[in-house]
Amino acid sequence: MDVDVKAVRKLTNQEELACIALNDEDKYVRRAAVRRIDDENALIEIAESDVSGYVRKAAVNGINSQRALERIVLKDPTPAVRKAALNKIDDEKLLVYIARHDSNHAVRKLAWNKIKRINPSLILTAADVERIFDEKRLIEIARYSLTWKSREIAVLKIVDENVLAEIARNDEDYRVRQQAVKGIQKEEVLIDIIENETYKEVLKEAIRNPNLKDMDTLEGYARSHGNWNVRLAAVGNVNIHQNVIYDVAKTDNVWYVRNEAVKYIDDESRLKEIAKTDLHSWIRVNAIRHIEDKAFVLDVIESDENRFVRESAKVRLKKLLG
């Protein structure tokens, strides 16, 4: 279109301005047109589609729709445009999300400063949270605080199991999820977390929660779950049967799992069998460390073909002899 910025600044016809803003090849001309448009729907279309950040930012400055601003602050590739949208947003949840996740430091800082003005409790330090005991405030901190440590401490003090389940499923930091799992008593919630969690430390906490008691579930986790981290954690649940632990120690195809199972075997005859027959030297050593029979340990020193096992047995015998 044959028009320049000065000419656009004199135009008042909204249809003509919208046509220029949507179609002119010069970004400065488009921006000049955008600045004179009153139709919010047209501005939203431009803010979400123009190839130039200059033009999109100018359009954002004329938008008040919170829904449109939310889309822009979450999706626009240009930090200056996201900042322009963020300046017009006061939704705490969205501000927290941006403060945690935006890729640009300046955008995160703007969100942080807005939170500090709107709700200072969301930027409390861990020491501050230690002094809070009101459940309602703790829940708000656990859900929205910007620092994982503050959320973790809040979770530690929360009683509401529904909130703990929500945080155990959804918090972005595994340490907060792990703390939340400790407070869960409902077996069905623990099972749901186990089936959907990917971080091994949270899995371990959920599987070893003493409120997970169903024998069929525990046995299935220990013997045949496709994730070996689940099998490894299951053998450490206080409710699991010794026969299951022994079978896992003998048959699991991942040596880490077998080794973990050995730690929980309380029958010395079974430990002796493993110490003599397992093909992995570390597992034989682990079994020996739990055996009290001095004569058996001496026999290992004299007969095991692996030097590491023999030396470990010597250390064990020395300990047994005092």
C-alpha atoms as a PDB file:
ATOM      1  CA  MET A   1       0.000   0.000   0.000  1.00  0.00           C
ATOM      2  CA  ASP A   2       1.355   3.429  -0.991  1.00  0.00           C
ATOM      3  CA  VAL A   3       1.184   5.246   2.364  1.00  0.00           C
ATOM      4  CA  ASP A   4       3.695   6.541   4.900  1.00  0.00           C
ATOM      5  CA  VAL A   5       3.720   6.966   8.674  1.00  0.00           C
ATOM      6  CA  LYS A   6       2.906  10.679   8.582  1.00  0.00           C
ATOM      7  CA  ALA A   7      -0.131  10.066   6.401  1.00  0.00           C
ATOM      8  CA  VAL A   8      -1.368   7.265   8.661  1.00  0.00           C
ATOM      9  CA  ARG A   9      -1.173   9.534  11.703  1.00  0.00           C
ATOM     10  CA  LYS A  10      -3.797  11.760  10.098  1.00  0.00           C
ATOM     11  CA  LEU A  11      -6.272   8.979   9.350  1.00  0.00           C
ATOM     12  CA  THR A  12      -9.397   8.445  11.461  1.00  0.00           C
ATOM     13  CA  ASN A  13     -11.378   5.905   9.450  1.00  0.00           C
ATOM     14  CA  GLN A  14     -11.204   2.692  11.447  1.00  0.00           C
ATOM     15  CA  GLU A  15     -11.737   0.353   8.498  1.00  0.00           C
ATOM     16  CA  GLU A  16      -8.971   2.027   6.539  1.00  0.00           C
ATOM     17  CA  LEU A  17      -6.620   1.904   9.525  1.00  0.00           C
ATOM     18  CA  ALA A  18      -7.368  -1.782  10.089  1.00  0.00           C
ATOM     19  CA  CYS A  19      -6.690  -2.519   6.418  1.00  0.00           C
ATOM     20  CA  ILE A  20      -3.310  -0.781   6.623  1.00  0.00           C
ATOM     21  CA  ALA A  21      -2.434  -2.447   9.935  1.00  0.00           C
ATOM     22  CA  LEU A  22      -3.171  -5.882   8.526  1.00  0.00           C
ATOM     23  CA  ASN A  23      -1.702  -5.517   5.047  1.00  0.00           C
ATOM     24  CA  ASP A  24       1.018  -2.861   4.704  1.00  0.00           C
ATOM     25  CA  GLU A  25       4.489  -4.274   4.090  1.00  0.00           C
ATOM     26  CA  ASP A  26       6.231  -1.630   6.263  1.00  0.00           C
ATOM     27  CA  LYS A  27       6.154  -2.537   9.960  1.00  0.00           C
ATOM     28  CA  TYR A  28       6.443   1.121  10.989  1.00  0.00           C
ATOM     29  CA  VAL A  29       3.412   2.031   8.909  1.00  0.00           C
ATOM     30  CA  ARG A  30       1.489  -0.896  10.383  1.00  0.00           C
ATOM     31  CA  ARG A  31       2.478   0.168  13.881  1.00  0.00           C
ATOM     32  CA  ALA A  32       1.353   3.726  13.258  1.00  0.00           C
ATOM     33  CA  ALA A  33      -2.019   2.413  12.076  1.00  0.00           C
ATOM     34  CA  VAL A  34      -2.361   0.115  15.069  1.00  0.00           C
ATOM     35  CA  ARG A  35      -1.868   3.013  17.451  1.00  0.00           C
ATOM     36  CA  ARG A  36      -4.984   4.704  16.024  1.00  0.00           C
ATOM     37  CA  ILE A  37      -7.269   1.650  16.056  1.00  0.00           C
ATOM     38  CA  ASP A  38     -10.035   1.535  18.664  1.00  0.00           C
ATOM     39  CA  ASP A  39     -11.509  -1.880  17.812  1.00  0.00           C
ATOM     40  CA  GLU A  40     -10.174  -4.345  20.378  1.00  0.00           C
ATOM     41  CA  ASN A  41     -11.006  -7.384  18.264  1.00  0.00           C
ATOM     42  CA  ALA A  42      -8.884  -5.982  15.436  1.00  0.00           C
ATOM     43  CA  LEU A  43      -6.064  -5.254  17.862  1.00  0.00           C
ATOM     44  CA  ILE A  44      -6.228  -8.798  19.238  1.00  0.00           C
ATOM     45  CA  GLU A  45      -6.006 -10.240  15.735  1.00  0.00           C
ATOM     46  CA  ILE A  46      -2.961  -8.098  15.004  1.00  0.00           C
ATOM     47  CA  ALA A  47      -1.309  -8.844  18.343  1.00  0.00           C
ATOM     48  CA  GLU A  48      -1.603 -12.577  17.691  1.00  0.00           C
ATOM     49  CA  SER A  49      -0.655 -12.626  14.037  1.00  0.00           C
ATOM     50  CA  ASP A  50       1.685  -9.812  12.959  1.00  0.00           C
ATOM     51  CA  VAL A  51       5.218 -10.930  12.148  1.00  0.00           C
ATOM     52  CA  SER A  52       6.772  -7.872  13.791  1.00  0.00           C
ATOM     53  CA  GLY A  53       7.219  -7.573  17.545  1.00  0.00           C
ATOM     54  CA  TYR A  54       7.014  -3.771  17.196  1.00  0.00           C
ATOM     55  CA  VAL A  55       3.540  -4.052  15.749  1.00  0.00           C
ATOM     56  CA  ARG A  56       2.354  -6.731  18.158  1.00  0.00           C
ATOM     57  CA  LYS A  57       3.526  -4.690  21.146  1.00  0.00           C
ATOM     58  CA  ALA A  58       1.668  -1.618  19.888  1.00  0.00           C
ATOM     59  CA  ALA A  59      -1.473  -3.730  19.522  1.00  0.00           C
ATOM     60  CA  VAL A  60      -1.116  -5.159  23.039  1.00  0.00           C
ATOM     61  CA  ASN A  61      -1.041  -1.643  24.465  1.00  0.00           C
ATOM     62  CA  GLY A  62      -4.623  -1.173  23.281  1.00  0.00           C
ATOM     63  CA  ILE A  63      -5.977  -4.518  24.553  1.00  0.00           C
ATOM     64  CA  ASN A  64      -7.818  -4.964  27.844  1.00  0.00           C
ATOM     65  CA  SER A  65      -9.210  -8.476  27.359  1.00  0.00           C
ATOM     66  CA  GLN A  66      -7.555 -10.572  30.069  1.00  0.00           C
ATOM     67  CA  ARG A  67      -8.089 -13.765  28.093  1.00  0.00           C
ATOM     68  CA  ALA A  68      -6.311 -12.341  25.053  1.00  0.00           C
ATOM     69  CA  LEU A  69      -3.508 -10.899  27.175  1.00  0.00           C
ATOM     70  CA  GLU A  70      -3.043 -14.283  28.834  1.00  0.00           C
ATOM     71  CA  ARG A  71      -2.650 -15.993  25.464  1.00  0.00           C
ATOM     72  CA  ILE A  72      -0.117 -13.397  24.388  1.00  0.00           C
ATOM     73  CA  VAL A  73       1.987 -13.523  27.553  1.00  0.00           C
ATOM     74  CA  LEU A  74       2.139 -17.304  27.313  1.00  0.00           C
ATOM     75  CA  LYS A  75       2.774 -17.655  23.588  1.00  0.00           C
ATOM     76  CA  ASP A  76       4.419 -14.569  22.090  1.00  0.00           C
ATOM     77  CA  PRO A  77       8.057 -15.231  21.123  1.00  0.00           C
ATOM     78  CA  THR A  78       9.233 -11.646  21.846  1.00  0.00           C
ATOM     79  CA  PRO A  79      10.014 -10.697  25.482  1.00  0.00           C
ATOM     80  CA  ALA A  80       9.039  -7.032  24.950  1.00  0.00           C
ATOM     81  CA  VAL A  81       5.589  -8.107  23.770  1.00  0.00           C
ATOM     82  CA  ARG A  82       5.158 -10.485  26.691  1.00  0.00           C
ATOM     83  CA  LYS A  83       6.180  -7.703  29.079  1.00  0.00           C
ATOM     84  CA  ALA A  84       3.627  -5.340  27.548  1.00  0.00           C
ATOM     85  CA  ALA A  85       0.917  -7.945  28.072  1.00  0.00           C
ATOM     86  CA  LEU A  86       2.141  -8.796  31.576  1.00  0.00           C
ATOM     87  CA  ASN A  87       1.938  -5.146  32.604  1.00  0.00           C
ATOM     88  CA  LYS A  88      -1.838  -5.370  32.157  1.00  0.00           C
ATOM     89  CA  ILE A  89      -2.330  -8.671  34.013  1.00  0.00           C
ATOM     90  CA  ASP A  90      -2.970  -9.072  37.751  1.00  0.00           C
ATOM     91  CA  ASP A  91      -3.971 -12.742  37.917  1.00  0.00           C
ATOM     92  CA  GLU A  92      -1.827 -14.249  40.694  1.00  0.00           C
ATOM     93  CA  LYS A  93      -1.728 -17.772  39.314  1.00  0.00           C
ATOM     94  CA  LEU A  94      -0.600 -16.589  35.917  1.00  0.00           C
ATOM     95  CA  LEU A  95       1.977 -14.232  37.414  1.00  0.00           C
ATOM     96  CA  VAL A  96       3.417 -17.093  39.468  1.00  0.00           C
ATOM     97  CA  TYR A  97       3.590 -19.292  36.381  1.00  0.00           C
ATOM     98  CA  ILE A  98       5.390 -16.592  34.406  1.00  0.00           C
ATOM     99  CA  ALA A  99       7.767 -15.824  37.277  1.00  0.00           C
ATOM    100  CA  ARG A 100       8.725 -19.498  37.431  1.00  0.00           C
ATOM    101  CA  HIS A 101       8.765 -20.460  33.783  1.00  0.00           C
ATOM    102  CA  ASP A 102       9.289 -17.589  31.353  1.00  0.00           C
ATOM    103  CA  SER A 103      12.516 -17.980  29.393  1.00  0.00           C
ATOM    104  CA  ASN A 104      13.447 -14.300  29.718  1.00  0.00           C
ATOM    105  CA  HIS A 105      14.883 -12.865  32.947  1.00  0.00           C
ATOM    106  CA  ALA A 106      13.291  -9.427  32.470  1.00  0.00           C
ATOM    107  CA  VAL A 107       9.838 -10.953  32.040  1.00  0.00           C
ATOM    108  CA  ARG A 108      10.287 -13.159  35.103  1.00  0.00           C
ATOM    109  CA  LYS A 109      11.486 -10.167  37.122  1.00  0.00           C
ATOM    110  CA  LEU A 110       8.453  -8.117  36.096  1.00  0.00           C
ATOM    111  CA  ALA A 111       6.153 -10.936  37.175  1.00  0.00           C
ATOM    112  CA  TRP A 112       8.054 -11.255  40.475  1.00  0.00           C
ATOM    113  CA  ASN A 113       7.719  -7.515  41.169  1.00  0.00           C
ATOM    114  CA  LYS A 114       3.993  -7.576  40.425  1.00  0.00           C
ATOM    115  CA  ILE A 115       3.514 -10.519  42.791  1.00  0.00           C
ATOM    116  CA  LYS A 116       5.476  -8.672  45.465  1.00  0.00           C
ATOM    117  CA  ARG A 117       3.015  -5.790  45.158  1.00  0.00           C
ATOM    118  CA  ILE A 118      -0.182  -7.850  44.884  1.00  0.00           C
ATOM    119  CA  ASN A 119       0.511 -10.703  47.329  1.00  0.00           C
ATOM    120  CA  PRO A 120       3.849 -10.541  49.185  1.00  0.00           C
ATOM    121  CA  SER A 121       3.165 -13.877  50.912  1.00  0.00           C
ATOM    122  CA  LEU A 122       4.026 -15.662  47.672  1.00  0.00           C
ATOM    123  CA  ILE A 123       7.661 -14.543  47.891  1.00  0.00           C
ATOM    124  CA  LEU A 124       8.224 -15.401  51.534  1.00  0.00           C
ATOM    125  CA  THR A 125      11.508 -17.022  52.455  1.00  0.00           C
ATOM    126  CA  ALA A 126      11.666 -20.501  53.932  1.00  0.00           C
ATOM    127  CA  ALA A 127      12.373 -18.934  57.348  1.00  0.00           C
ATOM    128  CA  ASP A 128       9.195 -16.853  57.033  1.00  0.00           C
ATOM    129  CA  VAL A 129       7.122 -19.943  56.241  1.00  0.00           C
ATOM    130  CA  GLU A 130       8.521 -21.725  59.296  1.00  0.00           C
ATOM    131  CA  ARG A 131       6.684 -19.173  61.442  1.00  0.00           C
ATOM    132  CA  ILE A 132       3.302 -19.642  59.741  1.00  0.00           C
ATOM    133  CA  PHE A 133       0.784 -22.159  61.073  1.00  0.00           C
ATOM    134  CA  ASP A 134      -2.472 -21.013  59.515  1.00  0.00           C
ATOM    135  CA  GLU A 135      -3.606 -23.822  57.184  1.00  0.00           C
ATOM    136  CA  LYS A 136      -5.233 -21.489  54.666  1.00  0.00           C
ATOM    137  CA  ARG A 137      -2.068 -19.409  54.264  1.00  0.00           C
ATOM    138  CA  LEU A 138       0.100 -22.502  54.099  1.00  0.00           C
ATOM    139  CA  ILE A 139      -2.020 -23.954  51.313  1.00  0.00           C
ATOM    140  CA  GLU A 140      -1.699 -20.739  49.312  1.00  0.00           C
ATOM    141  CA  ILE A 141       2.073 -20.772  49.796  1.00  0.00           C
ATOM    142  CA  ALA A 142       2.322 -24.464  48.891  1.00  0.00           C
ATOM    143  CA  ARG A 143       0.412 -23.889  45.670  1.00  0.00           C
ATOM    144  CA  TYR A 144       1.860 -20.606  44.472  1.00  0.00           C
ATOM    145  CA  SER A 145       5.093 -19.628  46.220  1.00  0.00           C
ATOM    146  CA  LEU A 146       7.915 -18.889  43.808  1.00  0.00           C
ATOM    147  CA  THR A 147      10.560 -20.824  45.730  1.00  0.00           C
ATOM    148  CA  TRP A 148      10.514 -24.619  46.036  1.00  0.00           C
ATOM    149  CA  LYS A 149      11.891 -24.519  49.579  1.00  0.00           C
ATOM    150  CA  SER A 150       9.052 -22.326  50.820  1.00  0.00           C
ATOM    151  CA  ARG A 151       6.532 -24.626  49.150  1.00  0.00           C
ATOM    152  CA  GLU A 152       8.220 -27.691  50.658  1.00  0.00           C
ATOM    153  CA  ILE A 153       8.081 -26.290  54.194  1.00  0.00           C
ATOM    154  CA  ALA A 154       4.453 -25.292  53.744  1.00  0.00           C
ATOM    155  CA  VAL A 155       3.596 -28.804  52.531  1.00  0.00           C
ATOM    156  CA  LEU A 156       5.256 -30.301  55.592  1.00  0.00           C
ATOM    157  CA  LYS A 157       2.763 -28.425  57.802  1.00  0.00           C
ATOM    158  CA  ILE A 158      -0.419 -29.002  55.768  1.00  0.00           C
ATOM    159  CA  VAL A 159      -3.009 -31.470  57.065  1.00  0.00           C
ATOM    160  CA  ASP A 160      -5.541 -31.400  54.201  1.00  0.00           C
ATOM    161  CA  GLU A 161      -4.863 -34.608  52.284  1.00  0.00           C
ATOM    162  CA  ASN A 162      -6.688 -33.434  49.152  1.00  0.00           C
ATOM    163  CA  VAL A 163      -4.291 -30.500  48.895  1.00  0.00           C
ATOM    164  CA  LEU A 164      -1.309 -32.773  49.510  1.00  0.00           C
ATOM    165  CA  ALA A 165      -2.500 -35.081  46.731  1.00  0.00           C
ATOM    166  CA  GLU A 166      -2.881 -32.122  44.365  1.00  0.00           C
ATOM    167  CA  ILE A 167       0.663 -30.933  45.100  1.00  0.00           C
ATOM    168  CA  ALA A 168       2.111 -34.456  44.940  1.00  0.00           C
ATOM    169  CA  ARG A 169       0.702 -34.785  41.438  1.00  0.00           C
ATOM    170  CA  ASN A 170       1.348 -31.308  40.092  1.00  0.00           C
ATOM    171  CA  ASP A 171       4.229 -29.406  41.673  1.00  0.00           C
ATOM    172  CA  GLU A 172       7.054 -28.799  39.220  1.00  0.00           C
ATOM    173  CA  ASP A 173       9.792 -29.586  41.773  1.00  0.00           C
ATOM    174  CA  TYR A 174      10.336 -33.230  42.725  1.00  0.00           C
ATOM    175  CA  ARG A 175      11.382 -32.245  46.257  1.00  0.00           C
ATOM    176  CA  VAL A 176       8.012 -30.632  46.934  1.00  0.00           C
ATOM    177  CA  ARG A 177       6.151 -33.595  45.430  1.00  0.00           C
ATOM    178  CA  GLN A 178       8.235 -35.958  47.524  1.00  0.00           C
ATOM    179  CA  GLN A 179       7.361 -34.098  50.732  1.00  0.00           C
ATOM    180  CA  ALA A 180       3.660 -34.077  49.839  1.00  0.00           C
ATOM    181  CA  VAL A 181       3.641 -37.849  49.244  1.00  0.00           C
ATOM    182  CA  LYS A 182       4.797 -38.425  52.831  1.00  0.00           C
ATOM    183  CA  GLY A 183       1.519 -37.019  54.148  1.00  0.00           C
ATOM    184  CA  ILE A 184      -0.811 -39.101  51.969  1.00  0.00           C
ATOM    185  CA  GLN A 185      -2.739 -41.906  53.638  1.00  0.00           C
ATOM    186  CA  LYS A 186      -5.190 -42.955  50.923  1.00  0.00           C
ATOM    187  CA  GLU A 187      -3.914 -46.036  49.129  1.00  0.00           C
ATOM    188  CA  GLU A 188      -5.715 -45.240  45.869  1.00  0.00           C
ATOM    189  CA  VAL A 189      -4.010 -41.832  45.725  1.00  0.00           C
ATOM    190  CA  LEU A 190      -0.603 -43.396  46.283  1.00  0.00           C
ATOM    191  CA  ILE A 191      -1.231 -45.919  43.497  1.00  0.00           C
ATOM    192  CA  ASP A 192      -2.280 -43.142  41.113  1.00  0.00           C
ATOM    193  CA  ILE A 193       0.903 -41.197  41.884  1.00  0.00           C
ATOM    194  CA  ILE A 194       3.051 -44.286  41.380  1.00  0.00           C
ATOM    195  CA  GLU A 195       1.486 -44.971  37.985  1.00  0.00           C
ATOM    196  CA  ASN A 196       2.041 -41.402  36.756  1.00  0.00           C
ATOM    197  CA  GLU A 197       5.221 -40.179  38.447  1.00  0.00           C
ATOM    198  CA  THR A 198       8.511 -40.264  36.527  1.00  0.00           C
ATOM    199  CA  TYR A 199      11.021 -39.047  39.108  1.00  0.00           C
ATOM    200  CA  LYS A 200      12.530 -41.968  40.997  1.00  0.00           C
ATOM    201  CA  GLU A 201      12.778 -40.280  44.406  1.00  0.00           C
ATOM    202  CA  VAL A 202       9.076 -39.429  44.400  1.00  0.00           C
ATOM    203  CA  LEU A 203       8.258 -42.952  43.213  1.00  0.00           C
ATOM    204  CA  LYS A 204      10.326 -44.374  46.049  1.00  0.00           C
ATOM    205  CA  GLU A 205       8.544 -42.207  48.618  1.00  0.00           C
ATOM    206  CA  ALA A 206       5.110 -43.212  47.351  1.00  0.00           C
ATOM    207  CA  ILE A 207       5.858 -46.930  47.133  1.00  0.00           C
ATOM    208  CA  ARG A 208       7.481 -47.046  50.555  1.00  0.00           C
ATOM    209  CA  ASN A 209       4.696 -45.065  52.192  1.00  0.00           C
ATOM    210  CA  PRO A 210       3.521 -47.401  54.987  1.00  0.00           C
ATOM    211  CA  ASN A 211      -0.098 -46.699  54.024  1.00  0.00           C
ATOM    212  CA  LEU A 212       0.430 -48.688  50.832  1.00  0.00           C
ATOM    213  CA  LYS A 213      -0.587 -52.079  52.212  1.00  0.00           C
ATOM    214  CA  ASP A 214      -2.390 -54.048  49.506  1.00  0.00           C
ATOM    215  CA  MET A 215      -0.346 -57.217  49.100  1.00  0.00           C
ATOM    216  CA  ASP A 216      -1.357 -57.916  45.512  1.00  0.00           C
ATOM    217  CA  THR A 217      -0.396 -54.381  44.497  1.00  0.00           C
ATOM    218  CA  LEU A 218       2.945 -54.518  46.285  1.00  0.00           C
ATOM    219  CA  GLU A 219       3.775 -57.936  44.915  1.00  0.00           C
ATOM    220  CA  GLY A 220       2.930 -56.805  41.397  1.00  0.00           C
ATOM    221  CA  TYR A 221       5.178 -53.761  41.762  1.00  0.00           C
ATOM    222  CA  ALA A 222       8.060 -55.806  43.165  1.00  0.00           C
ATOM    223  CA  ARG A 223       7.920 -58.758  40.800  1.00  0.00           C
ATOM    224  CA  SER A 224       6.857 -57.436  37.437  1.00  0.00           C
ATOM    225  CA  HIS A 225       6.478 -53.667  37.094  1.00  0.00           C
ATOM    226  CA  GLY A 226       8.032 -52.464  33.848  1.00  0.00           C
ATOM    227  CA  ASN A 227       9.919 -49.633  35.585  1.00  0.00           C
ATOM    228  CA  TRP A 228      12.822 -51.123  37.541  1.00  0.00           C
ATOM    229  CA  ASN A 229      12.846 -48.107  39.866  1.00  0.00           C
ATOM    230  CA  VAL A 230       9.371 -49.166  40.981  1.00  0.00           C
ATOM    231  CA  ARG A 231      10.539 -52.738  41.596  1.00  0.00           C
ATOM    232  CA  LEU A 232      13.545 -51.453  43.516  1.00  0.00           C
ATOM    233  CA  ALA A 233      11.407 -49.241  45.757  1.00  0.00           C
ATOM    234  CA  ALA A 234       8.738 -51.889  46.339  1.00  0.00           C
ATOM    235  CA  VAL A 235      11.088 -54.330  48.062  1.00  0.00           C
ATOM    236  CA  GLY A 236      11.645 -51.675  50.735  1.00  0.00           C
ATOM    237  CA  ASN A 237       7.990 -51.263  51.676  1.00  0.00           C
ATOM    238  CA  VAL A 238       7.538 -52.331  55.309  1.00  0.00           C
ATOM    239  CA  ASN A 239       4.406 -54.304  54.433  1.00  0.00           C
ATOM    240  CA  ILE A 240       5.817 -56.541  51.699  1.00  0.00           C
ATOM    241  CA  HIS A 241       6.220 -60.270  52.368  1.00  0.00           C
ATOM    242  CA  GLN A 242       9.669 -61.786  52.816  1.00  0.00           C
ATOM    243  CA  ASN A 243       8.990 -64.456  50.187  1.00  0.00           C
ATOM    244  CA  VAL A 244       8.451 -61.754  47.581  1.00  0.00           C
ATOM    245  CA  ILE A 245      11.648 -59.950  48.558  1.00  0.00           C
ATOM    246  CA  TYR A 246      13.607 -63.190  48.330  1.00  0.00           C
ATOM    247  CA  ASP A 247      12.192 -64.043  44.917  1.00  0.00           C
ATOM    248  CA  VAL A 248      13.096 -60.588  43.610  1.00  0.00           C
ATOM    249  CA  ALA A 249      16.616 -60.922  45.033  1.00  0.00           C
ATOM    250  CA  LYS A 250      16.968 -64.213  43.175  1.00  0.00           C
ATOM    251  CA  THR A 251      15.291 -63.498  39.858  1.00  0.00           C
ATOM    252  CA  ASP A 252      15.139 -59.812  38.896  1.00  0.00           C
ATOM    253  CA  ASN A 253      17.075 -59.134  35.698  1.00  0.00           C
ATOM    254  CA  VAL A 254      18.429 -55.795  36.969  1.00  0.00           C
ATOM    255  CA  TRP A 255      21.233 -56.265  39.469  1.00  0.00           C
ATOM    256  CA  TYR A 256      20.461 -52.958  41.226  1.00  0.00           C
ATOM    257  CA  VAL A 257      17.041 -54.364  42.110  1.00  0.00           C
ATOM    258  CA  ARG A 258      18.422 -57.672  43.327  1.00  0.00           C
ATOM    259  CA  ASN A 259      21.005 -55.834  45.391  1.00  0.00           C
ATOM    260  CA  GLU A 260      18.343 -53.632  46.990  1.00  0.00           C
ATOM    261  CA  ALA A 261      16.197 -56.665  47.807  1.00  0.00           C
ATOM    262  CA  VAL A 262      19.100 -58.329  49.618  1.00  0.00           C
ATOM    263  CA  LYS A 263      19.123 -55.456  52.136  1.00  0.00           C
ATOM    264  CA  TYR A 264      15.642 -56.434  53.331  1.00  0.00           C
ATOM    265  CA  ILE A 265      16.070 -60.210  53.667  1.00  0.00           C
ATOM    266  CA  ASP A 266      15.984 -61.255  57.322  1.00  0.00           C
ATOM    267  CA  ASP A 267      16.503 -65.008  56.834  1.00  0.00           C
ATOM    268  CA  GLU A 268      20.227 -65.767  57.082  1.00  0.00           C
ATOM    269  CA  SER A 269      19.916 -69.070  55.195  1.00  0.00           C
ATOM    270  CA  ARG A 270      18.568 -67.144  52.210  1.00  0.00           C
ATOM    271  CA  LEU A 271      21.356 -64.602  52.486  1.00  0.00           C
ATOM    272  CA  LYS A 272      23.885 -67.416  52.480  1.00  0.00           C
ATOM    273  CA  GLU A 273      22.408 -68.900  49.329  1.00  0.00           C
ATOM    274  CA  ILE A 274      22.666 -65.551  47.550  1.00  0.00           C
ATOM    275  CA  ALA A 275      26.198 -64.987  48.860  1.00  0.00           C
ATOM    276  CA  LYS A 276      27.191 -68.294  47.288  1.00  0.00           C
ATOM    277  CA  THR A 277      25.261 -68.275  44.035  1.00  0.00           C
ATOM    278  CA  ASP A 278      24.605 -64.778  42.685  1.00  0.00           C
ATOM    279  CA  LEU A 279      26.754 -64.064  39.653  1.00  0.00           C
ATOM    280  CA  HIS A 280      27.236 -60.395  40.566  1.00  0.00           C
ATOM    281  CA  SER A 281      30.050 -59.756  43.022  1.00  0.00           C
ATOM    282  CA  TRP A 282      28.424 -56.660  44.535  1.00  0.00           C
ATOM    283  CA  ILE A 283      25.320 -58.665  45.441  1.00  0.00           C
ATOM    284  CA  ARG A 284      27.383 -61.410  47.069  1.00  0.00           C
ATOM    285  CA  VAL A 285      29.221 -58.753  49.078  1.00  0.00           C
ATOM    286  CA  ASN A 286      25.951 -57.128  50.125  1.00  0.00           C
ATOM    287  CA  ALA A 287      24.621 -60.480  51.342  1.00  0.00           C
ATOM    288  CA  ILE A 288      27.829 -61.202  53.286  1.00  0.00           C
ATOM    289  CA  ARG A 289      27.529 -57.873  55.098  1.00  0.00           C
ATOM    290  CA  HIS A 290      24.257 -59.105  56.650  1.00  0.00           C
ATOM    291  CA  ILE A 291      25.459 -62.592  57.670  1.00  0.00           C
ATOM    292  CA  GLU A 292      26.334 -63.364  61.301  1.00  0.00           C
ATOM    293  CA  ASP A 293      27.722 -66.894  60.822  1.00  0.00           C
ATOM    294  CA  LYS A 294      31.529 -66.583  61.227  1.00  0.00           C
ATOM    295  CA  ALA A 295      32.242 -70.031  59.784  1.00  0.00           C
ATOM    296  CA  PHE A 296      30.285 -69.247  56.639  1.00  0.00           C
ATOM    297  CA  VAL A 297      32.113 -65.937  56.170  1.00  0.00           C
ATOM    298  CA  LEU A 298      35.440 -67.734  56.625  1.00  0.00           C
ATOM    299  CA  ASP A 299      34.416 -70.231  53.957  1.00  0.00           C
ATOM    300  CA  VAL A 300      33.725 -67.353  51.556  1.00  0.00           C
ATOM    301  CA  ILE A 301      37.191 -65.968  52.267  1.00  0.00           C
ATOM    302  CA  GLU A 302      38.690 -69.331  51.354  1.00  0.00           C
ATOM    303  CA  SER A 303      36.545 -70.218  48.369  1.00  0.00           C
ATOM    304  CA  ASP A 304      35.095 -67.262  46.501  1.00  0.00           C
ATOM    305  CA  GLU A 305      36.856 -66.733  43.178  1.00  0.00           C
ATOM    306  CA  ASN A 306      36.432 -62.943  43.270  1.00  0.00           C
ATOM    307  CA  ARG A 307      39.080 -60.993  45.146  1.00  0.00           C
ATOM    308  CA  PHE A 308      36.698 -58.121  45.982  1.00  0.00           C
ATOM    309  CA  VAL A 309      34.261 -60.590  47.575  1.00  0.00           C
ATOM    310  CA  ARG A 310      37.043 -62.294  49.542  1.00  0.00           C
ATOM    311  CA  GLU A 311      38.389 -58.975  50.840  1.00  0.00           C
ATOM    312  CA  SER A 312      34.893 -57.827  51.803  1.00  0.00           C
ATOM    313  CA  ALA A 313      34.361 -61.095  53.652  1.00  0.00           C
ATOM    314  CA  LYS A 314      37.595 -60.502  55.583  1.00  0.00           C
ATOM    315  CA  VAL A 315      36.286 -57.103  56.659  1.00  0.00           C
ATOM    316  CA  ARG A 316      33.007 -58.702  57.734  1.00  0.00           C
ATOM    317  CA  LEU A 317      34.764 -61.433  59.715  1.00  0.00           C
ATOM    318  CA  LYS A 318      36.943 -58.906  61.474  1.00  0.00           C
ATOM    319  CA  LYS A 319      33.835 -56.995  62.494  1.00  0.00           C
ATOM    320  CA  LEU A 320      32.138 -60.166  63.747  1.00  0.00           C
ATOM    321  CA  LEU A 321      35.194 -61.098  65.804  1.00  0.00           C
ATOM    322  CA  GLY A 322      35.222 -57.672  67.370  1.00  0.00           C
END
